[in-house]
Amino acid sequence: MEILYSEPITEAPSWLLVVLLIAVIFTFVAGASYHETGSDFAGIFATACGILSVCCFLYIIYANDKFETGRKRYEVILDEDYPVSKLYEEYIVKEQRGKIWILEDKEAAE
């Protein structure tokens, strides 16, 4: 197998989405509280939660390509004697373009 190109596979961390969800929930609760009570504290809290939600969302977008999964994506040309069964055991086949195969590691490299 001849590797023509490889790159790390990246994605946003799952904990960041949880933080975003919590911030959005707090925003709705604080907004509802402000609507019911008219309290200045509730208004400030709702605004702060809204800003936190937006910041988390922007950070998720920005950091999406910053967190590596430990897996890689490859563009390869297979030798004629390379066993196809081994290919499917070790990699996820994403596509094939002529002689070039696009593969991804199944599990993170330890």
PDB file of N, CA and C in Angstrom:
ATOM      1  N   MET A   1       0.847  -1.166   0.000  1.00  0.00           N
ATOM      2  CA  MET A   1       0.000   0.000   0.000  1.00  0.00           C
ATOM      3  C   MET A   1       0.898   1.236   0.000  1.00  0.00           C
ATOM      4  N   GLU A   2       0.645   2.140  -0.942  1.00  0.00           N
ATOM      5  CA  GLU A   2       1.401   3.382  -1.045  1.00  0.00           C
ATOM      6  C   GLU A   2       0.514   4.527  -0.535  1.00  0.00           C
ATOM      7  N   ILE A   3       0.968   5.190   0.543  1.00  0.00           N
ATOM      8  CA  ILE A   3       0.212   6.309   1.105  1.00  0.00           C
ATOM      9  C   ILE A   3       0.585   7.569   0.349  1.00  0.00           C
ATOM     10  N   LEU A   4      -0.412   8.175  -0.296  1.00  0.00           N
ATOM     11  CA  LEU A   4      -0.190   9.409  -1.046  1.00  0.00           C
ATOM     12  C   LEU A   4      -0.347  10.635  -0.163  1.00  0.00           C
ATOM     13  N   TYR A   5      -1.268  10.553   0.786  1.00  0.00           N
ATOM     14  CA  TYR A   5      -1.575  11.709   1.624  1.00  0.00           C
ATOM     15  C   TYR A   5      -2.238  11.217   2.903  1.00  0.00           C
ATOM     16  N   SER A   6      -1.940  11.857   4.018  1.00  0.00           N
ATOM     17  CA  SER A   6      -2.644  11.539   5.268  1.00  0.00           C
ATOM     18  C   SER A   6      -2.857  12.829   6.049  1.00  0.00           C
ATOM     19  N   GLU A   7      -3.955  12.848   6.810  1.00  0.00           N
ATOM     20  CA  GLU A   7      -4.258  13.994   7.646  1.00  0.00           C
ATOM     21  C   GLU A   7      -4.996  13.516   8.887  1.00  0.00           C
ATOM     22  N   PRO A   8      -4.849  14.236  10.004  1.00  0.00           N
ATOM     23  CA  PRO A   8      -5.583  13.838  11.207  1.00  0.00           C
ATOM     24  C   PRO A   8      -7.066  14.153  11.059  1.00  0.00           C
ATOM     25  N   ILE A   9      -7.897  13.314  11.668  1.00  0.00           N
ATOM     26  CA  ILE A   9      -9.335  13.543  11.699  1.00  0.00           C
ATOM     27  C   ILE A   9      -9.629  14.359  12.943  1.00  0.00           C
ATOM     28  N   THR A  10     -10.349  15.460  12.785  1.00  0.00           N
ATOM     29  CA  THR A  10     -10.634  16.357  13.895  1.00  0.00           C
ATOM     30  C   THR A  10     -12.140  16.514  14.092  1.00  0.00           C
ATOM     31  N   GLU A  11     -12.524  16.856  15.324  1.00  0.00           N
ATOM     32  CA  GLU A  11     -13.917  17.132  15.635  1.00  0.00           C
ATOM     33  C   GLU A  11     -13.982  17.922  16.934  1.00  0.00           C
ATOM     34  N   ALA A  12     -15.129  18.521  17.179  1.00  0.00           N
ATOM     35  CA  ALA A  12     -15.330  19.271  18.413  1.00  0.00           C
ATOM     36  C   ALA A  12     -15.470  18.290  19.575  1.00  0.00           C
ATOM     37  N   PRO A  13     -14.941  18.641  20.741  1.00  0.00           N
ATOM     38  CA  PRO A  13     -15.085  17.747  21.893  1.00  0.00           C
ATOM     39  C   PRO A  13     -16.532  17.717  22.370  1.00  0.00           C
ATOM     40  N   SER A  14     -16.977  16.568  22.854  1.00  0.00           N
ATOM     41  CA  SER A  14     -18.374  16.412  23.257  1.00  0.00           C
ATOM     42  C   SER A  14     -18.712  17.259  24.483  1.00  0.00           C
ATOM     43  N   TRP A  15     -17.746  17.498  25.375  1.00  0.00           N
ATOM     44  CA  TRP A  15     -18.036  18.283  26.571  1.00  0.00           C
ATOM     45  C   TRP A  15     -18.391  19.726  26.227  1.00  0.00           C
ATOM     46  N   LEU A  16     -17.892  20.231  25.115  1.00  0.00           N
ATOM     47  CA  LEU A  16     -18.177  21.603  24.722  1.00  0.00           C
ATOM     48  C   LEU A  16     -19.643  21.754  24.326  1.00  0.00           C
ATOM     49  N   LEU A  17     -20.200  20.746  23.703  1.00  0.00           N
ATOM     50  CA  LEU A  17     -21.622  20.775  23.344  1.00  0.00           C
ATOM     51  C   LEU A  17     -22.502  20.733  24.593  1.00  0.00           C
ATOM     52  N   VAL A  18     -22.064  20.014  25.612  1.00  0.00           N
ATOM     53  CA  VAL A  18     -22.806  19.952  26.866  1.00  0.00           C
ATOM     54  C   VAL A  18     -22.810  21.332  27.529  1.00  0.00           C
ATOM     55  N   VAL A  19     -21.669  22.012  27.525  1.00  0.00           N
ATOM     56  CA  VAL A  19     -21.591  23.363  28.087  1.00  0.00           C
ATOM     57  C   VAL A  19     -22.532  24.303  27.341  1.00  0.00           C
ATOM     58  N   LEU A  20     -22.558  24.199  26.024  1.00  0.00           N
ATOM     59  CA  LEU A  20     -23.456  25.025  25.230  1.00  0.00           C
ATOM     60  C   LEU A  20     -24.913  24.754  25.584  1.00  0.00           C
ATOM     61  N   LEU A  21     -25.277  23.499  25.701  1.00  0.00           N
ATOM     62  CA  LEU A  21     -26.651  23.132  26.038  1.00  0.00           C
ATOM     63  C   LEU A  21     -27.043  23.679  27.409  1.00  0.00           C
ATOM     64  N   ILE A  22     -26.163  23.556  28.391  1.00  0.00           N
ATOM     65  CA  ILE A  22     -26.436  24.074  29.734  1.00  0.00           C
ATOM     66  C   ILE A  22     -26.607  25.586  29.698  1.00  0.00           C
ATOM     67  N   ALA A  23     -25.748  26.276  28.951  1.00  0.00           N
ATOM     68  CA  ALA A  23     -25.846  27.731  28.855  1.00  0.00           C
ATOM     69  C   ALA A  23     -27.158  28.152  28.198  1.00  0.00           C
ATOM     70  N   VAL A  24     -27.585  27.436  27.175  1.00  0.00           N
ATOM     71  CA  VAL A  24     -28.855  27.768  26.513  1.00  0.00           C
ATOM     72  C   VAL A  24     -30.028  27.544  27.462  1.00  0.00           C
ATOM     73  N   ILE A  25     -30.005  26.451  28.213  1.00  0.00           N
ATOM     74  CA  ILE A  25     -31.078  26.177  29.173  1.00  0.00           C
ATOM     75  C   ILE A  25     -31.139  27.277  30.229  1.00  0.00           C
ATOM     76  N   PHE A  26     -29.974  27.655  30.784  1.00  0.00           N
ATOM     77  CA  PHE A  26     -29.946  28.740  31.765  1.00  0.00           C
ATOM     78  C   PHE A  26     -30.459  30.043  31.164  1.00  0.00           C
ATOM     79  N   THR A  27     -30.156  30.286  29.907  1.00  0.00           N
ATOM     80  CA  THR A  27     -30.639  31.501  29.252  1.00  0.00           C
ATOM     81  C   THR A  27     -32.160  31.525  29.204  1.00  0.00           C
ATOM     82  N   PHE A  28     -32.775  30.424  28.809  1.00  0.00           N
ATOM     83  CA  PHE A  28     -34.236  30.367  28.753  1.00  0.00           C
ATOM     84  C   PHE A  28     -34.864  30.486  30.141  1.00  0.00           C
ATOM     85  N   VAL A  29     -34.286  29.817  31.129  1.00  0.00           N
ATOM     86  CA  VAL A  29     -34.827  29.884  32.491  1.00  0.00           C
ATOM     87  C   VAL A  29     -34.695  31.303  33.039  1.00  0.00           C
ATOM     88  N   ALA A  30     -33.538  31.904  32.855  1.00  0.00           N
ATOM     89  CA  ALA A  30     -33.328  33.263  33.357  1.00  0.00           C
ATOM     90  C   ALA A  30     -34.206  34.255  32.612  1.00  0.00           C
ATOM     91  N   GLY A  31     -34.377  34.058  31.302  1.00  0.00           N
ATOM     92  CA  GLY A  31     -35.260  34.936  30.532  1.00  0.00           C
ATOM     93  C   GLY A  31     -36.700  34.833  30.995  1.00  0.00           C
ATOM     94  N   ALA A  32     -37.148  33.618  31.271  1.00  0.00           N
ATOM     95  CA  ALA A  32     -38.510  33.420  31.776  1.00  0.00           C
ATOM     96  C   ALA A  32     -38.666  34.052  33.151  1.00  0.00           C
ATOM     97  N   SER A  33     -37.639  33.908  33.992  1.00  0.00           N
ATOM     98  CA  SER A  33     -37.672  34.506  35.324  1.00  0.00           C
ATOM     99  C   SER A  33     -37.730  36.024  35.229  1.00  0.00           C
ATOM    100  N   TYR A  34     -36.956  36.580  34.336  1.00  0.00           N
ATOM    101  CA  TYR A  34     -36.958  38.031  34.144  1.00  0.00           C
ATOM    102  C   TYR A  34     -38.320  38.504  33.643  1.00  0.00           C
ATOM    103  N   HIS A  35     -38.893  37.740  32.747  1.00  0.00           N
ATOM    104  CA  HIS A  35     -40.207  38.095  32.200  1.00  0.00           C
ATOM    105  C   HIS A  35     -41.272  38.091  33.299  1.00  0.00           C
ATOM    106  N   GLU A  36     -41.197  37.127  34.213  1.00  0.00           N
ATOM    107  CA  GLU A  36     -42.181  37.006  35.288  1.00  0.00           C
ATOM    108  C   GLU A  36     -41.967  38.029  36.398  1.00  0.00           C
ATOM    109  N   THR A  37     -40.705  38.256  36.782  1.00  0.00           N
ATOM    110  CA  THR A  37     -40.441  39.091  37.958  1.00  0.00           C
ATOM    111  C   THR A  37     -40.033  40.515  37.611  1.00  0.00           C
ATOM    112  N   GLY A  38     -39.396  40.711  36.484  1.00  0.00           N
ATOM    113  CA  GLY A  38     -38.889  42.035  36.138  1.00  0.00           C
ATOM    114  C   GLY A  38     -37.665  42.411  36.947  1.00  0.00           C
ATOM    115  N   SER A  39     -37.061  41.452  37.638  1.00  0.00           N
ATOM    116  CA  SER A  39     -35.891  41.690  38.483  1.00  0.00           C
ATOM    117  C   SER A  39     -34.675  42.061  37.645  1.00  0.00           C
ATOM    118  N   ASP A  40     -33.921  43.050  38.130  1.00  0.00           N
ATOM    119  CA  ASP A  40     -32.695  43.442  37.431  1.00  0.00           C
ATOM    120  C   ASP A  40     -31.681  42.307  37.422  1.00  0.00           C
ATOM    121  N   PHE A  41     -31.581  41.584  38.542  1.00  0.00           N
ATOM    122  CA  PHE A  41     -30.638  40.466  38.609  1.00  0.00           C
ATOM    123  C   PHE A  41     -30.976  39.404  37.565  1.00  0.00           C
ATOM    124  N   ALA A  42     -32.246  39.072  37.422  1.00  0.00           N
ATOM    125  CA  ALA A  42     -32.661  38.069  36.442  1.00  0.00           C
ATOM    126  C   ALA A  42     -32.339  38.543  35.026  1.00  0.00           C
ATOM    127  N   GLY A  43     -32.517  39.828  34.767  1.00  0.00           N
ATOM    128  CA  GLY A  43     -32.186  40.376  33.449  1.00  0.00           C
ATOM    129  C   GLY A  43     -30.700  40.295  33.155  1.00  0.00           C
ATOM    130  N   ILE A  44     -29.881  40.644  34.146  1.00  0.00           N
ATOM    131  CA  ILE A  44     -28.423  40.567  33.977  1.00  0.00           C
ATOM    132  C   ILE A  44     -27.996  39.118  33.792  1.00  0.00           C
ATOM    133  N   PHE A  45     -28.603  38.227  34.590  1.00  0.00           N
ATOM    134  CA  PHE A  45     -28.254  36.806  34.500  1.00  0.00           C
ATOM    135  C   PHE A  45     -28.648  36.246  33.126  1.00  0.00           C
ATOM    136  N   ALA A  46     -29.823  36.613  32.633  1.00  0.00           N
ATOM    137  CA  ALA A  46     -30.269  36.147  31.314  1.00  0.00           C
ATOM    138  C   ALA A  46     -29.341  36.660  30.221  1.00  0.00           C
ATOM    139  N   THR A  47     -28.935  37.909  30.330  1.00  0.00           N
ATOM    140  CA  THR A  47     -28.014  38.479  29.340  1.00  0.00           C
ATOM    141  C   THR A  47     -26.659  37.775  29.383  1.00  0.00           C
ATOM    142  N   ALA A  48     -26.139  37.531  30.595  1.00  0.00           N
ATOM    143  CA  ALA A  48     -24.850  36.846  30.735  1.00  0.00           C
ATOM    144  C   ALA A  48     -24.923  35.431  30.170  1.00  0.00           C
ATOM    145  N   CYS A  49     -26.022  34.730  30.438  1.00  0.00           N
ATOM    146  CA  CYS A  49     -26.180  33.374  29.902  1.00  0.00           C
ATOM    147  C   CYS A  49     -26.277  33.396  28.384  1.00  0.00           C
ATOM    148  N   GLY A  50     -26.972  34.386  27.847  1.00  0.00           N
ATOM    149  CA  GLY A  50     -27.062  34.508  26.392  1.00  0.00           C
ATOM    150  C   GLY A  50     -25.703  34.748  25.762  1.00  0.00           C
ATOM    151  N   ILE A  51     -24.924  35.625  26.375  1.00  0.00           N
ATOM    152  CA  ILE A  51     -23.568  35.897  25.870  1.00  0.00           C
ATOM    153  C   ILE A  51     -22.712  34.645  25.968  1.00  0.00           C
ATOM    154  N   LEU A  52     -22.828  33.911  27.093  1.00  0.00           N
ATOM    155  CA  LEU A  52     -22.077  32.661  27.253  1.00  0.00           C
ATOM    156  C   LEU A  52     -22.474  31.648  26.182  1.00  0.00           C
ATOM    157  N   SER A  53     -23.763  31.557  25.873  1.00  0.00           N
ATOM    158  CA  SER A  53     -24.229  30.636  24.834  1.00  0.00           C
ATOM    159  C   SER A  53     -23.617  30.973  23.481  1.00  0.00           C
ATOM    160  N   VAL A  54     -23.632  32.244  23.137  1.00  0.00           N
ATOM    161  CA  VAL A  54     -23.061  32.673  21.858  1.00  0.00           C
ATOM    162  C   VAL A  54     -21.557  32.410  21.825  1.00  0.00           C
ATOM    163  N   CYS A  55     -20.865  32.697  22.924  1.00  0.00           N
ATOM    164  CA  CYS A  55     -19.415  32.460  22.988  1.00  0.00           C
ATOM    165  C   CYS A  55     -19.092  30.968  22.849  1.00  0.00           C
ATOM    166  N   CYS A  56     -19.883  30.123  23.518  1.00  0.00           N
ATOM    167  CA  CYS A  56     -19.675  28.671  23.398  1.00  0.00           C
ATOM    168  C   CYS A  56     -19.891  28.210  21.962  1.00  0.00           C
ATOM    169  N   PHE A  57     -20.942  28.716  21.343  1.00  0.00           N
ATOM    170  CA  PHE A  57     -21.228  28.337  19.957  1.00  0.00           C
ATOM    171  C   PHE A  57     -20.083  28.754  19.042  1.00  0.00           C
ATOM    172  N   LEU A  58     -19.602  29.969  19.194  1.00  0.00           N
ATOM    173  CA  LEU A  58     -18.488  30.438  18.363  1.00  0.00           C
ATOM    174  C   LEU A  58     -17.221  29.642  18.634  1.00  0.00           C
ATOM    175  N   TYR A  59     -16.983  29.281  19.899  1.00  0.00           N
ATOM    176  CA  TYR A  59     -15.806  28.494  20.226  1.00  0.00           C
ATOM    177  C   TYR A  59     -15.888  27.101  19.618  1.00  0.00           C
ATOM    178  N   ILE A  60     -17.080  26.513  19.602  1.00  0.00           N
ATOM    179  CA  ILE A  60     -17.250  25.196  18.978  1.00  0.00           C
ATOM    180  C   ILE A  60     -16.886  25.276  17.500  1.00  0.00           C
ATOM    181  N   ILE A  61     -17.355  26.316  16.840  1.00  0.00           N
ATOM    182  CA  ILE A  61     -17.042  26.482  15.421  1.00  0.00           C
ATOM    183  C   ILE A  61     -15.541  26.693  15.228  1.00  0.00           C
ATOM    184  N   TYR A  62     -14.935  27.538  16.043  1.00  0.00           N
ATOM    185  CA  TYR A  62     -13.507  27.839  15.931  1.00  0.00           C
ATOM    186  C   TYR A  62     -12.650  26.626  16.272  1.00  0.00           C
ATOM    187  N   ALA A  63     -13.014  25.912  17.331  1.00  0.00           N
ATOM    188  CA  ALA A  63     -12.187  24.808  17.828  1.00  0.00           C
ATOM    189  C   ALA A  63     -12.435  23.504  17.100  1.00  0.00           C
ATOM    190  N   ASN A  64     -13.392  23.474  16.193  1.00  0.00           N
ATOM    191  CA  ASN A  64     -13.755  22.228  15.530  1.00  0.00           C
ATOM    192  C   ASN A  64     -12.570  21.548  14.873  1.00  0.00           C
ATOM    193  N   ASP A  65     -11.682  22.309  14.261  1.00  0.00           N
ATOM    194  CA  ASP A  65     -10.550  21.657  13.611  1.00  0.00           C
ATOM    195  C   ASP A  65      -9.309  21.656  14.491  1.00  0.00           C
ATOM    196  N   LYS A  66      -9.455  21.944  15.764  1.00  0.00           N
ATOM    197  CA  LYS A  66      -8.314  22.011  16.666  1.00  0.00           C
ATOM    198  C   LYS A  66      -8.137  20.775  17.537  1.00  0.00           C
ATOM    199  N   PHE A  67      -9.179  19.927  17.628  1.00  0.00           N
ATOM    200  CA  PHE A  67      -9.116  18.766  18.510  1.00  0.00           C
ATOM    201  C   PHE A  67      -9.004  17.491  17.675  1.00  0.00           C
ATOM    202  N   GLU A  68      -7.847  16.867  17.743  1.00  0.00           N
ATOM    203  CA  GLU A  68      -7.617  15.643  16.970  1.00  0.00           C
ATOM    204  C   GLU A  68      -8.214  14.439  17.691  1.00  0.00           C
ATOM    205  N   THR A  69      -8.745  13.512  16.923  1.00  0.00           N
ATOM    206  CA  THR A  69      -9.367  12.312  17.486  1.00  0.00           C
ATOM    207  C   THR A  69      -8.369  11.179  17.693  1.00  0.00           C
ATOM    208  N   GLY A  70      -7.167  11.315  17.153  1.00  0.00           N
ATOM    209  CA  GLY A  70      -6.195  10.228  17.215  1.00  0.00           C
ATOM    210  C   GLY A  70      -6.300   9.310  16.006  1.00  0.00           C
ATOM    211  N   ARG A  71      -7.283   9.570  15.149  1.00  0.00           N
ATOM    212  CA  ARG A  71      -7.463   8.792  13.922  1.00  0.00           C
ATOM    213  C   ARG A  71      -6.943   9.604  12.751  1.00  0.00           C
ATOM    214  N   LYS A  72      -6.687   8.929  11.633  1.00  0.00           N
ATOM    215  CA  LYS A  72      -6.200   9.606  10.435  1.00  0.00           C
ATOM    216  C   LYS A  72      -7.015   9.217   9.216  1.00  0.00           C
ATOM    217  N   ARG A  73      -7.002  10.099   8.217  1.00  0.00           N
ATOM    218  CA  ARG A  73      -7.625   9.858   6.914  1.00  0.00           C
ATOM    219  C   ARG A  73      -6.474   9.721   5.916  1.00  0.00           C
ATOM    220  N   TYR A  74      -6.573   8.735   5.045  1.00  0.00           N
ATOM    221  CA  TYR A  74      -5.501   8.453   4.090  1.00  0.00           C
ATOM    222  C   TYR A  74      -6.032   8.424   2.668  1.00  0.00           C
ATOM    223  N   GLU A  75      -5.190   8.831   1.747  1.00  0.00           N
ATOM    224  CA  GLU A  75      -5.402   8.571   0.323  1.00  0.00           C
ATOM    225  C   GLU A  75      -4.285   7.615  -0.069  1.00  0.00           C
ATOM    226  N   VAL A  76      -4.657   6.451  -0.556  1.00  0.00           N
ATOM    227  CA  VAL A  76      -3.668   5.412  -0.839  1.00  0.00           C
ATOM    228  C   VAL A  76      -3.914   4.775  -2.203  1.00  0.00           C
ATOM    229  N   ILE A  77      -2.868   4.158  -2.704  1.00  0.00           N
ATOM    230  CA  ILE A  77      -2.973   3.270  -3.862  1.00  0.00           C
ATOM    231  C   ILE A  77      -2.584   1.891  -3.359  1.00  0.00           C
ATOM    232  N   LEU A  78      -3.482   0.927  -3.544  1.00  0.00           N
ATOM    233  CA  LEU A  78      -3.238  -0.430  -3.055  1.00  0.00           C
ATOM    234  C   LEU A  78      -2.384  -1.210  -4.038  1.00  0.00           C
ATOM    235  N   ASP A  79      -1.478  -2.022  -3.482  1.00  0.00           N
ATOM    236  CA  ASP A  79      -0.733  -2.965  -4.301  1.00  0.00           C
ATOM    237  C   ASP A  79      -1.709  -4.043  -4.775  1.00  0.00           C
ATOM    238  N   GLU A  80      -1.391  -4.667  -5.891  1.00  0.00           N
ATOM    239  CA  GLU A  80      -2.282  -5.690  -6.434  1.00  0.00           C
ATOM    240  C   GLU A  80      -2.415  -6.892  -5.502  1.00  0.00           C
ATOM    241  N   ASP A  81      -1.374  -7.162  -4.695  1.00  0.00           N
ATOM    242  CA  ASP A  81      -1.416  -8.326  -3.806  1.00  0.00           C
ATOM    243  C   ASP A  81      -1.907  -7.975  -2.395  1.00  0.00           C
ATOM    244  N   TYR A  82      -2.368  -6.737  -2.156  1.00  0.00           N
ATOM    245  CA  TYR A  82      -2.864  -6.345  -0.827  1.00  0.00           C
ATOM    246  C   TYR A  82      -4.234  -6.981  -0.610  1.00  0.00           C
ATOM    247  N   PRO A  83      -4.415  -7.721   0.488  1.00  0.00           N
ATOM    248  CA  PRO A  83      -5.692  -8.408   0.720  1.00  0.00           C
ATOM    249  C   PRO A  83      -6.817  -7.425   1.074  1.00  0.00           C
ATOM    250  N   VAL A  84      -7.895  -7.511   0.330  1.00  0.00           N
ATOM    251  CA  VAL A  84      -9.031  -6.622   0.548  1.00  0.00           C
ATOM    252  C   VAL A  84      -9.660  -6.872   1.917  1.00  0.00           C
ATOM    253  N   SER A  85      -9.638  -8.116   2.392  1.00  0.00           N
ATOM    254  CA  SER A  85     -10.197  -8.423   3.712  1.00  0.00           C
ATOM    255  C   SER A  85      -9.442  -7.667   4.810  1.00  0.00           C
ATOM    256  N   LYS A  86      -8.132  -7.560   4.673  1.00  0.00           N
ATOM    257  CA  LYS A  86      -7.328  -6.815   5.648  1.00  0.00           C
ATOM    258  C   LYS A  86      -7.683  -5.328   5.589  1.00  0.00           C
ATOM    259  N   LEU A  87      -7.928  -4.830   4.389  1.00  0.00           N
ATOM    260  CA  LEU A  87      -8.303  -3.428   4.193  1.00  0.00           C
ATOM    261  C   LEU A  87      -9.572  -3.106   4.984  1.00  0.00           C
ATOM    262  N   TYR A  88     -10.595  -3.937   4.856  1.00  0.00           N
ATOM    263  CA  TYR A  88     -11.864  -3.692   5.533  1.00  0.00           C
ATOM    264  C   TYR A  88     -11.798  -3.984   7.029  1.00  0.00           C
ATOM    265  N   GLU A  89     -10.848  -4.793   7.470  1.00  0.00           N
ATOM    266  CA  GLU A  89     -10.677  -5.059   8.904  1.00  0.00           C
ATOM    267  C   GLU A  89     -10.047  -3.874   9.616  1.00  0.00           C
ATOM    268  N   GLU A  90      -9.086  -3.199   8.969  1.00  0.00           N
ATOM    269  CA  GLU A  90      -8.304  -2.155   9.622  1.00  0.00           C
ATOM    270  C   GLU A  90      -8.788  -0.737   9.347  1.00  0.00           C
ATOM    271  N   TYR A  91      -9.540  -0.524   8.276  1.00  0.00           N
ATOM    272  CA  TYR A  91      -9.907   0.824   7.874  1.00  0.00           C
ATOM    273  C   TYR A  91     -11.394   0.925   7.539  1.00  0.00           C
ATOM    274  N   ILE A  92     -11.883   2.156   7.587  1.00  0.00           N
ATOM    275  CA  ILE A  92     -13.215   2.478   7.072  1.00  0.00           C
ATOM    276  C   ILE A  92     -12.993   3.016   5.663  1.00  0.00           C
ATOM    277  N   VAL A  93     -13.584   2.378   4.685  1.00  0.00           N
ATOM    278  CA  VAL A  93     -13.437   2.819   3.297  1.00  0.00           C
ATOM    279  C   VAL A  93     -14.465   3.914   3.044  1.00  0.00           C
ATOM    280  N   LYS A  94     -13.995   5.139   2.791  1.00  0.00           N
ATOM    281  CA  LYS A  94     -14.885   6.276   2.565  1.00  0.00           C
ATOM    282  C   LYS A  94     -15.291   6.385   1.102  1.00  0.00           C
ATOM    283  N   GLU A  95     -14.330   6.205   0.196  1.00  0.00           N
ATOM    284  CA  GLU A  95     -14.638   6.242  -1.232  1.00  0.00           C
ATOM    285  C   GLU A  95     -13.455   5.705  -2.025  1.00  0.00           C
ATOM    286  N   GLN A  96     -13.698   5.486  -3.298  1.00  0.00           N
ATOM    287  CA  GLN A  96     -12.646   5.038  -4.214  1.00  0.00           C
ATOM    288  C   GLN A  96     -12.768   5.864  -5.483  1.00  0.00           C
ATOM    289  N   ARG A  97     -11.635   6.466  -5.880  1.00  0.00           N
ATOM    290  CA  ARG A  97     -11.580   7.254  -7.110  1.00  0.00           C
ATOM    291  C   ARG A  97     -10.528   6.626  -8.008  1.00  0.00           C
ATOM    292  N   GLY A  98     -10.963   5.773  -8.908  1.00  0.00           N
ATOM    293  CA  GLY A  98     -10.021   5.066  -9.770  1.00  0.00           C
ATOM    294  C   GLY A  98      -9.155   4.150  -8.925  1.00  0.00           C
ATOM    295  N   LYS A  99      -7.833   4.347  -8.984  1.00  0.00           N
ATOM    296  CA  LYS A  99      -6.913   3.530  -8.192  1.00  0.00           C
ATOM    297  C   LYS A  99      -6.698   4.087  -6.790  1.00  0.00           C
ATOM    298  N   ILE A 100      -7.192   5.286  -6.524  1.00  0.00           N
ATOM    299  CA  ILE A 100      -6.987   5.918  -5.221  1.00  0.00           C
ATOM    300  C   ILE A 100      -8.142   5.561  -4.288  1.00  0.00           C
ATOM    301  N   TRP A 101      -7.794   5.063  -3.103  1.00  0.00           N
ATOM    302  CA  TRP A 101      -8.764   4.720  -2.074  1.00  0.00           C
ATOM    303  C   TRP A 101      -8.668   5.769  -0.969  1.00  0.00           C
ATOM    304  N   ILE A 102      -9.827   6.218  -0.455  1.00  0.00           N
ATOM    305  CA  ILE A 102      -9.873   7.128   0.681  1.00  0.00           C
ATOM    306  C   ILE A 102     -10.263   6.286   1.895  1.00  0.00           C
ATOM    307  N   LEU A 103      -9.363   6.218   2.883  1.00  0.00           N
ATOM    308  CA  LEU A 103      -9.541   5.362   4.050  1.00  0.00           C
ATOM    309  C   LEU A 103      -9.452   6.180   5.327  1.00  0.00           C
ATOM    310  N   GLU A 104     -10.084   5.678   6.384  1.00  0.00           N
ATOM    311  CA  GLU A 104      -9.963   6.259   7.714  1.00  0.00           C
ATOM    312  C   GLU A 104      -9.658   5.145   8.700  1.00  0.00           C
ATOM    313  N   ASP A 105      -8.848   5.460   9.720  1.00  0.00           N
ATOM    314  CA  ASP A 105      -8.596   4.507  10.795  1.00  0.00           C
ATOM    315  C   ASP A 105      -9.909   4.189  11.496  1.00  0.00           C
ATOM    316  N   LYS A 106     -10.057   2.929  11.910  1.00  0.00           N
ATOM    317  CA  LYS A 106     -11.279   2.546  12.640  1.00  0.00           C
ATOM    318  C   LYS A 106     -11.240   3.025  14.069  1.00  0.00           C
ATOM    319  N   GLU A 107     -10.097   2.908  14.741  1.00  0.00           N
ATOM    320  CA  GLU A 107      -9.987   3.298  16.144  1.00  0.00           C
ATOM    321  C   GLU A 107      -8.796   4.218  16.312  1.00  0.00           C
ATOM    322  N   ALA A 108      -8.828   4.976  17.392  1.00  0.00           N
ATOM    323  CA  ALA A 108      -7.729   5.905  17.671  1.00  0.00           C
ATOM    324  C   ALA A 108      -6.445   5.121  17.929  1.00  0.00           C
ATOM    325  N   ALA A 109      -5.358   5.642  17.385  1.00  0.00           N
ATOM    326  CA  ALA A 109      -4.051   5.015  17.595  1.00  0.00           C
ATOM    327  C   ALA A 109      -3.639   5.239  19.043  1.00  0.00           C
ATOM    328  N   GLU A 110      -3.183   4.220  19.682  1.00  0.00           N
ATOM    329  CA  GLU A 110      -2.755   4.311  21.096  1.00  0.00           C
ATOM    330  C   GLU A 110      -1.329   4.779  21.188  1.00  0.00           C
TER     331      GLU A 110
END
